[in-house]
Amino acid sequence: MSSTSIDSVTLGRRLATEVLEPMKRAFVGKDEIIDLMGVCLVAGENLFLLGPPGTAKSLLVHDLGRRLEGRTFEYLLTRFTEPSELFGPFDIRRLREGDLTVNTEGMLPEASLVFLDELLNANSAILNSLLSALNERVFRRGRETRALPTLMTVGASNRLPEEEALNALFDRFLMRVPCENVPTPRLGEVLDAGWQLDAGGALPPPSLGIEDVRKVHRALHEVDLTTIRQPLIDLVVRLRQAGIPISDRRAVKLQRLIAASALLSGRRNALVSDLWVCRYIWDTVEQQEVLNAVVREVIDRAPANTADHPLARGESAPDPESLARDLSDLAEKWARPDVSADARANLRDRLGLLAGRVQWVKNEQQRSALAERVEKLWKTVGANS
């Protein structure tokens, strides 16, 4: 087991607990979307948000960028948007010298996170450039070709594509999720949280940066997919038979999302439960119910595991009392004077898994109290040394 592998798994777990969890406290009712952003970020894939304006889509991307100190580029697409508005204009000074170079300062080619609002307004003038940027992570203009630093692009629209050309663009967004207004009973929480966000204020110094995310991303192929390879094949075949078209290219890319789910859950091996990501590959709203039913049936046949990603079991969430008991048991075992070095290593790994579970406790007060206990235990076991 290489140190690189250990470091990347630790970073994946910390991304979940130190970046995604604070975002969930700041944005009411957006836990599912934030978890999907985390998976797409690690996998290097794109996320499509379907919903009306004013549902915090742009704010979520900018908040993630701020917490990771990454460059964020945002643009509202119209039918008249030109390539230079996204990728930058030609450098006039160098053009006079016969050098066709684009000035990309502050534009999409320099961003690690991209948010494209009203994505489906994209016109034919920018479509080819966008497709290359989204799929291949390369920028081509004139004689210039360069690799892009983009880890994730989030696209948003209040409608689904109706034209063939836009279907190709939509296909570049492997994961899709609705982003609606928060239910009325939680409106008070939204007002409180929105007031705090509106007040601004500096975030605490980031514990992770965008380069840490890149390290986790580069570790995707260290995840062992042996256990899920046949279940994934069976699932894809079954979904195709149910009328949900999944191309070979999309099936291959799903493995990246599965590996990302494992890393964010603190594992170096994929479990059948990581197939939960397949619930979000729908093309139409009607397909969501079919996907949920088929994927859940596959996952439910596998035994539950404390290392499962909490979204794997649908709406279920970790039991706070059970987590509290597990944390107490871990602290008691660590305090024993006869604990071997190997046993201590196992306890550290177990604490990491429990830390990942704590972030998905639904009650905010219980989640905060458990998170404090986890933080104290990390200091005790020297996990941050």
Protein backbone atom coordinates (compact mmCIF):
# COMPACT_ATOMS: atom_id res chain seq x y z
CA MET A 1 0.00 0.00 0.00
CA SER A 2 1.67 3.20 -1.15
CA SER A 3 1.84 6.40 0.89
CA THR A 4 0.33 8.16 -2.11
CA SER A 5 -2.74 5.96 -1.84
CA ILE A 6 -3.07 6.60 1.90
CA ASP A 7 -2.69 10.35 1.46
CA SER A 8 -5.27 10.53 -1.32
CA VAL A 9 -7.86 8.57 0.67
CA THR A 10 -7.30 10.81 3.68
CA LEU A 11 -7.69 13.88 1.50
CA GLY A 12 -10.89 12.48 -0.01
CA ARG A 13 -12.36 11.95 3.43
CA ARG A 14 -11.27 15.41 4.55
CA LEU A 15 -12.85 16.97 1.46
CA ALA A 16 -16.16 15.47 2.57
CA THR A 17 -15.87 16.49 6.22
CA GLU A 18 -14.02 19.83 6.02
CA VAL A 19 -15.43 21.33 2.81
CA LEU A 20 -18.73 19.70 1.86
CA GLU A 21 -20.09 19.49 5.41
CA PRO A 22 -19.66 23.23 6.17
CA MET A 23 -21.36 23.99 2.86
CA LYS A 24 -24.36 21.92 3.95
CA ARG A 25 -24.63 24.01 7.10
CA ALA A 26 -24.57 27.20 5.01
CA PHE A 27 -27.08 26.11 2.34
CA VAL A 28 -30.42 24.80 3.57
CA GLY A 29 -31.87 21.83 1.70
CA LYS A 30 -28.96 21.45 -0.70
CA ASP A 31 -27.22 18.43 0.85
CA GLU A 32 -27.85 16.15 -2.12
CA ILE A 33 -26.53 18.68 -4.63
CA ILE A 34 -23.45 19.41 -2.51
CA ASP A 35 -22.65 15.69 -2.25
CA LEU A 36 -22.99 15.37 -6.03
CA MET A 37 -20.72 18.38 -6.52
CA GLY A 38 -18.12 16.63 -4.37
CA VAL A 39 -18.33 13.42 -6.41
CA CYS A 40 -18.13 15.28 -9.75
CA LEU A 41 -15.24 17.40 -8.49
CA VAL A 42 -13.17 14.36 -7.54
CA ALA A 43 -14.20 12.43 -10.66
CA GLY A 44 -13.48 15.38 -12.97
CA GLU A 45 -16.99 15.13 -14.41
CA ASN A 46 -19.71 17.73 -15.02
CA LEU A 47 -22.99 18.32 -13.18
CA PHE A 48 -26.27 19.64 -14.62
CA LEU A 49 -28.76 21.42 -12.34
CA LEU A 50 -32.37 21.52 -13.51
CA GLY A 51 -34.46 24.20 -11.84
CA PRO A 52 -35.77 27.76 -11.80
CA PRO A 53 -33.66 30.87 -11.15
CA GLY A 54 -33.06 31.91 -7.56
CA THR A 55 -32.31 28.46 -6.13
CA ALA A 56 -28.67 29.17 -5.16
CA LYS A 57 -27.09 27.32 -8.10
CA SER A 58 -24.45 29.97 -8.77
CA LEU A 59 -23.82 30.59 -5.07
CA LEU A 60 -23.06 26.92 -4.49
CA VAL A 61 -20.32 26.88 -7.13
CA HIS A 62 -18.78 30.14 -5.92
CA ASP A 63 -18.86 29.00 -2.30
CA LEU A 64 -17.08 25.77 -3.21
CA GLY A 65 -14.47 27.76 -5.12
CA ARG A 66 -13.89 30.09 -2.18
CA ARG A 67 -13.47 27.23 0.26
CA LEU A 68 -10.87 25.59 -1.98
CA GLU A 69 -9.29 28.87 -3.12
CA GLY A 70 -9.81 27.82 -6.73
CA ARG A 71 -10.50 30.08 -9.69
CA THR A 72 -14.17 30.20 -10.64
CA PHE A 73 -15.59 31.39 -13.94
CA GLU A 74 -19.31 32.13 -14.35
CA TYR A 75 -21.26 33.18 -17.41
CA LEU A 76 -24.90 33.55 -18.39
CA LEU A 77 -25.34 32.16 -21.90
CA THR A 78 -27.68 33.77 -24.42
CA ARG A 79 -28.47 32.91 -28.03
CA PHE A 80 -25.96 35.59 -29.05
CA THR A 81 -23.01 34.62 -26.81
CA GLU A 82 -19.75 34.55 -28.79
CA PRO A 83 -16.68 32.37 -28.14
CA SER A 84 -14.60 35.38 -27.03
CA GLU A 85 -17.02 36.00 -24.13
CA LEU A 86 -16.10 32.61 -22.67
CA PHE A 87 -12.58 31.92 -23.88
CA GLY A 88 -11.19 35.42 -24.31
CA PRO A 89 -10.47 37.72 -27.29
CA PHE A 90 -7.55 37.46 -29.66
CA ASP A 91 -4.51 39.34 -28.39
CA ILE A 92 -4.47 42.40 -30.71
CA ARG A 93 -0.80 43.23 -30.09
CA ARG A 94 0.35 39.73 -31.00
CA LEU A 95 -2.13 39.56 -33.87
CA ARG A 96 -0.33 42.51 -35.50
CA GLU A 97 2.81 40.40 -35.38
CA GLY A 98 1.04 37.56 -37.15
CA ASP A 99 0.62 35.47 -33.99
CA LEU A 100 -2.97 34.23 -33.50
CA THR A 101 -3.10 33.99 -29.68
CA VAL A 102 -6.06 34.34 -27.32
CA ASN A 103 -5.88 36.47 -24.19
CA THR A 104 -7.49 34.13 -21.64
CA GLU A 105 -6.81 36.16 -18.48
CA GLY A 106 -9.80 35.81 -16.13
CA MET A 107 -11.68 33.65 -18.63
CA LEU A 108 -12.87 30.03 -18.75
CA PRO A 109 -9.49 28.52 -19.84
CA GLU A 110 -7.92 29.58 -16.52
CA ALA A 111 -10.68 28.38 -14.17
CA SER A 112 -10.71 25.25 -12.05
CA LEU A 113 -14.50 25.54 -11.50
CA VAL A 114 -16.93 26.75 -14.18
CA PHE A 115 -20.61 27.68 -13.88
CA LEU A 116 -22.62 28.14 -17.08
CA ASP A 117 -26.09 29.49 -16.41
CA GLU A 118 -28.87 28.95 -18.98
CA LEU A 119 -26.62 26.34 -20.55
CA LEU A 120 -29.12 25.34 -23.22
CA ASN A 121 -29.05 28.81 -24.77
CA ALA A 122 -25.69 27.85 -26.30
CA ASN A 123 -25.55 28.57 -30.02
CA SER A 124 -23.68 26.87 -32.84
CA ALA A 125 -20.91 29.50 -32.75
CA ILE A 126 -19.65 28.32 -29.36
CA LEU A 127 -20.90 24.73 -29.36
CA ASN A 128 -17.78 23.04 -30.73
CA SER A 129 -15.48 24.97 -28.40
CA LEU A 130 -17.68 24.09 -25.44
CA LEU A 131 -17.87 20.41 -26.34
CA SER A 132 -14.06 20.15 -26.45
CA ALA A 133 -13.71 22.03 -23.17
CA LEU A 134 -16.31 19.89 -21.41
CA ASN A 135 -15.33 16.46 -22.71
CA GLU A 136 -11.63 16.57 -23.53
CA ARG A 137 -10.64 19.42 -21.17
CA VAL A 138 -8.83 21.14 -24.04
CA PHE A 139 -9.19 24.58 -25.62
CA ARG A 140 -8.67 25.04 -29.37
CA ARG A 141 -8.76 28.36 -31.16
CA GLY A 142 -6.83 29.23 -34.27
CA ARG A 143 -3.52 27.39 -34.11
CA GLU A 144 -3.61 27.30 -30.32
CA THR A 145 -4.41 24.15 -28.36
CA ARG A 146 -4.00 23.93 -24.61
CA ALA A 147 -5.04 21.69 -21.76
CA LEU A 148 -7.58 23.21 -19.39
CA PRO A 149 -7.25 23.15 -15.57
CA THR A 150 -11.03 22.72 -15.19
CA LEU A 151 -12.00 20.03 -12.69
CA MET A 152 -15.75 20.48 -12.93
CA THR A 153 -18.28 22.45 -14.94
CA VAL A 154 -21.74 22.99 -13.51
CA GLY A 155 -24.43 23.82 -16.05
CA ALA A 156 -27.89 25.07 -15.17
CA SER A 157 -31.20 25.46 -16.95
CA ASN A 158 -34.92 25.43 -16.17
CA ARG A 159 -35.60 23.15 -19.12
CA LEU A 160 -34.23 20.06 -20.85
CA PRO A 161 -32.85 20.08 -24.41
CA GLU A 162 -35.25 19.82 -27.33
CA GLU A 163 -32.78 20.17 -30.22
CA GLU A 164 -30.33 17.52 -31.45
CA ALA A 165 -27.34 19.88 -31.23
CA LEU A 166 -28.13 20.66 -27.60
CA ASN A 167 -28.48 16.96 -26.78
CA ALA A 168 -24.77 16.60 -27.57
CA LEU A 169 -24.00 19.41 -25.11
CA PHE A 170 -26.32 17.95 -22.45
CA ASP A 171 -24.61 14.56 -22.84
CA ARG A 172 -21.35 16.11 -21.59
CA PHE A 173 -22.98 16.50 -18.17
CA LEU A 174 -22.82 12.98 -16.80
CA MET A 175 -24.77 13.69 -13.60
CA ARG A 176 -28.10 15.52 -13.48
CA VAL A 177 -30.09 16.63 -10.44
CA PRO A 178 -33.14 18.85 -9.82
CA CYS A 179 -32.50 22.11 -7.95
CA GLU A 180 -35.80 23.45 -6.65
CA ASN A 181 -36.91 25.97 -4.08
CA VAL A 182 -36.72 24.64 -0.53
CA PRO A 183 -40.07 23.27 0.79
CA THR A 184 -42.24 25.85 2.58
CA PRO A 185 -41.79 24.34 6.10
CA ARG A 186 -38.05 25.12 5.85
CA LEU A 187 -38.46 28.67 4.55
CA GLY A 188 -37.53 30.13 7.93
CA GLU A 189 -34.22 28.25 7.85
CA VAL A 190 -33.62 29.57 4.32
CA LEU A 191 -34.18 33.16 5.45
CA ASP A 192 -31.77 32.77 8.38
CA ALA A 193 -29.08 31.10 6.30
CA GLY A 194 -29.52 33.57 3.44
CA TRP A 195 -29.19 36.51 5.81
CA GLN A 196 -25.91 35.13 7.10
CA LEU A 197 -24.61 34.51 3.57
CA ASP A 198 -25.67 38.01 2.55
CA ALA A 199 -23.69 39.46 5.44
CA GLY A 200 -20.58 37.97 3.90
CA GLY A 201 -17.51 37.82 6.08
CA ALA A 202 -14.31 35.92 5.65
CA LEU A 203 -14.31 32.15 5.69
CA PRO A 204 -11.92 30.40 8.08
CA PRO A 205 -8.51 29.66 6.53
CA PRO A 206 -9.00 26.71 4.14
CA SER A 207 -7.71 23.38 5.36
CA LEU A 208 -7.69 22.05 1.79
CA GLY A 209 -6.95 23.68 -1.54
CA ILE A 210 -7.68 22.99 -5.17
CA GLU A 211 -4.34 21.19 -5.54
CA ASP A 212 -5.40 18.75 -2.82
CA VAL A 213 -8.50 18.00 -4.90
CA ARG A 214 -6.30 17.40 -7.93
CA LYS A 215 -4.30 14.91 -5.89
CA VAL A 216 -7.48 13.01 -5.01
CA HIS A 217 -8.54 13.18 -8.66
CA ARG A 218 -5.23 11.69 -9.81
CA ALA A 219 -5.78 8.82 -7.36
CA LEU A 220 -9.03 7.68 -9.02
CA HIS A 221 -7.33 4.77 -10.76
CA GLU A 222 -5.89 3.53 -7.47
CA VAL A 223 -9.41 2.53 -6.41
CA ASP A 224 -10.05 -1.20 -6.83
CA LEU A 225 -13.21 -1.65 -8.93
CA THR A 226 -13.08 -5.46 -9.01
CA THR A 227 -16.10 -5.92 -6.76
CA ILE A 228 -18.40 -3.69 -8.78
CA ARG A 229 -17.34 -4.52 -12.34
CA GLN A 230 -19.91 -7.28 -12.99
CA PRO A 231 -22.73 -5.58 -11.01
CA LEU A 232 -22.11 -2.44 -13.09
CA ILE A 233 -22.30 -4.43 -16.33
CA ASP A 234 -25.53 -6.08 -15.20
CA LEU A 235 -26.99 -2.72 -14.18
CA VAL A 236 -26.15 -1.03 -17.48
CA VAL A 237 -27.69 -3.92 -19.43
CA ARG A 238 -30.83 -3.83 -17.32
CA LEU A 239 -31.20 -0.05 -17.69
CA ARG A 240 -30.78 -0.31 -21.45
CA GLN A 241 -33.51 -2.94 -21.51
CA ALA A 242 -35.70 -0.54 -19.50
CA GLY A 243 -35.37 2.02 -22.28
CA ILE A 244 -32.70 4.24 -20.72
CA PRO A 245 -29.95 4.74 -23.33
CA ILE A 246 -26.49 4.44 -21.79
CA SER A 247 -23.70 4.66 -24.33
CA ASP A 248 -20.46 2.74 -23.89
CA ARG A 249 -18.71 6.08 -23.29
CA ARG A 250 -21.05 6.96 -20.44
CA ALA A 251 -20.71 3.47 -18.95
CA VAL A 252 -16.93 3.86 -18.89
CA LYS A 253 -17.19 7.30 -17.28
CA LEU A 254 -19.48 5.95 -14.56
CA GLN A 255 -16.46 4.14 -13.16
CA ARG A 256 -14.89 7.51 -12.35
CA LEU A 257 -17.94 8.53 -10.32
CA ILE A 258 -17.94 5.19 -8.51
CA ALA A 259 -14.26 5.57 -7.63
CA ALA A 260 -14.90 9.14 -6.43
CA SER A 261 -17.70 7.90 -4.16
CA ALA A 262 -15.28 5.40 -2.63
CA LEU A 263 -12.56 8.00 -2.01
CA LEU A 264 -15.00 10.46 -0.42
CA SER A 265 -16.18 7.62 1.83
CA GLY A 266 -12.59 6.95 2.94
CA ARG A 267 -12.08 3.75 0.95
CA ARG A 268 -9.58 2.44 -1.59
CA ASN A 269 -12.04 -0.16 -2.87
CA ALA A 270 -15.44 0.31 -4.50
CA LEU A 271 -18.53 -1.35 -3.05
CA VAL A 272 -21.77 -2.28 -4.78
CA SER A 273 -23.36 0.56 -2.80
CA ASP A 274 -21.23 3.03 -4.80
CA LEU A 275 -23.50 2.32 -7.76
CA TRP A 276 -25.83 4.91 -6.19
CA VAL A 277 -24.27 7.45 -8.57
CA CYS A 278 -26.18 5.77 -11.42
CA ARG A 279 -29.42 7.25 -10.11
CA TYR A 280 -28.39 10.61 -11.54
CA ILE A 281 -27.77 9.78 -15.21
CA TRP A 282 -31.34 10.41 -16.42
CA ASP A 283 -32.14 12.18 -19.68
CA THR A 284 -35.78 12.96 -18.87
CA VAL A 285 -37.67 13.63 -15.65
CA GLU A 286 -39.72 10.46 -16.25
CA GLN A 287 -36.58 8.30 -16.13
CA GLN A 288 -35.78 9.33 -12.55
CA GLU A 289 -38.30 6.97 -10.99
CA VAL A 290 -37.10 4.01 -13.07
CA LEU A 291 -33.46 4.70 -12.22
CA ASN A 292 -34.21 5.05 -8.51
CA ALA A 293 -36.10 1.75 -8.43
CA VAL A 294 -33.58 -0.31 -10.43
CA VAL A 295 -30.47 1.07 -8.71
CA ARG A 296 -31.99 0.70 -5.25
CA GLU A 297 -32.89 -2.94 -5.97
CA VAL A 298 -29.27 -3.68 -6.94
CA ILE A 299 -27.86 -1.94 -3.86
CA ASP A 300 -30.37 -3.49 -1.47
CA ARG A 301 -29.22 -6.97 -2.52
CA ALA A 302 -25.75 -6.14 -1.16
CA PRO A 303 -25.23 -6.22 2.63
CA ALA A 304 -25.19 -2.82 4.32
CA ASN A 305 -21.74 -1.60 5.27
CA THR A 306 -20.73 1.14 7.69
CA ALA A 307 -18.44 2.41 4.93
CA ASP A 308 -21.32 2.93 2.46
CA HIS A 309 -21.76 6.43 1.10
CA PRO A 310 -24.94 7.63 2.89
CA LEU A 311 -26.63 8.57 -0.40
CA ALA A 312 -26.33 4.90 -1.37
CA ARG A 313 -29.38 3.97 0.68
CA GLY A 314 -31.65 6.69 -0.62
CA GLU A 315 -33.13 8.91 2.02
CA SER A 316 -31.67 6.94 4.93
CA ALA A 317 -29.21 8.74 7.17
CA PRO A 318 -26.79 7.61 9.88
CA ASP A 319 -28.23 7.08 13.35
CA PRO A 320 -26.72 9.74 15.68
CA GLU A 321 -27.03 7.55 18.78
CA SER A 322 -25.26 4.66 17.06
CA LEU A 323 -22.47 6.99 15.94
CA ALA A 324 -22.11 8.35 19.46
CA ARG A 325 -21.76 4.81 20.84
CA ASP A 326 -19.17 3.95 18.19
CA LEU A 327 -17.14 7.08 19.01
CA SER A 328 -17.23 6.26 22.72
CA ASP A 329 -16.13 2.69 22.03
CA LEU A 330 -13.27 3.93 19.85
CA ALA A 331 -12.09 6.40 22.51
CA GLU A 332 -12.19 3.69 25.16
CA LYS A 333 -10.13 1.26 23.07
CA TRP A 334 -7.58 3.95 22.17
CA ALA A 335 -7.08 4.77 25.86
CA ARG A 336 -6.04 1.21 26.71
CA PRO A 337 -2.29 0.99 27.45
CA ASP A 338 -1.88 -2.38 25.71
CA VAL A 339 -3.15 -1.30 22.26
CA SER A 340 -0.71 -2.42 19.56
CA ALA A 341 0.53 -0.20 16.71
CA ASP A 342 -1.53 -2.20 14.18
CA ALA A 343 -4.64 -1.87 16.34
CA ARG A 344 -4.07 1.88 16.61
CA ALA A 345 -3.81 2.12 12.83
CA ASN A 346 -7.11 0.25 12.51
CA LEU A 347 -8.71 2.61 15.03
CA ARG A 348 -7.52 5.61 13.01
CA ASP A 349 -9.09 4.12 9.88
CA ARG A 350 -12.30 3.45 11.77
CA LEU A 351 -12.38 7.05 13.05
CA GLY A 352 -12.01 8.24 9.47
CA LEU A 353 -15.05 6.23 8.41
CA LEU A 354 -17.08 7.49 11.37
CA ALA A 355 -16.05 11.08 10.55
CA GLY A 356 -17.41 10.57 7.05
CA ARG A 357 -20.71 9.25 8.42
CA VAL A 358 -21.14 12.16 10.83
CA GLN A 359 -21.43 14.68 8.00
CA TRP A 360 -24.68 13.07 6.79
CA VAL A 361 -26.53 13.22 10.14
CA LYS A 362 -29.67 15.21 9.33
CA ASN A 363 -30.18 17.04 12.64
CA GLU A 364 -27.80 20.00 12.65
CA GLN A 365 -27.31 20.12 16.45
CA GLN A 366 -26.57 16.40 16.65
CA ARG A 367 -24.26 16.66 13.63
CA SER A 368 -22.33 19.56 15.17
CA ALA A 369 -21.98 17.80 18.54
CA LEU A 370 -20.72 14.61 16.89
CA ALA A 371 -18.33 16.61 14.69
CA GLU A 372 -16.82 18.20 17.81
CA ARG A 373 -16.25 14.76 19.32
CA VAL A 374 -14.62 13.58 16.10
CA GLU A 375 -12.31 16.61 16.06
CA LYS A 376 -11.22 15.97 19.66
CA LEU A 377 -10.55 12.32 18.87
CA TRP A 378 -8.46 13.26 15.83
CA LYS A 379 -6.28 15.39 18.12
CA THR A 380 -6.03 12.54 20.60
CA VAL A 381 -4.95 9.94 18.07
CA GLY A 382 -2.58 12.34 16.35
CA ALA A 383 -4.29 11.94 12.99
CA ASN A 384 -3.30 15.45 11.97
CA SER A 385 0.40 14.96 12.71
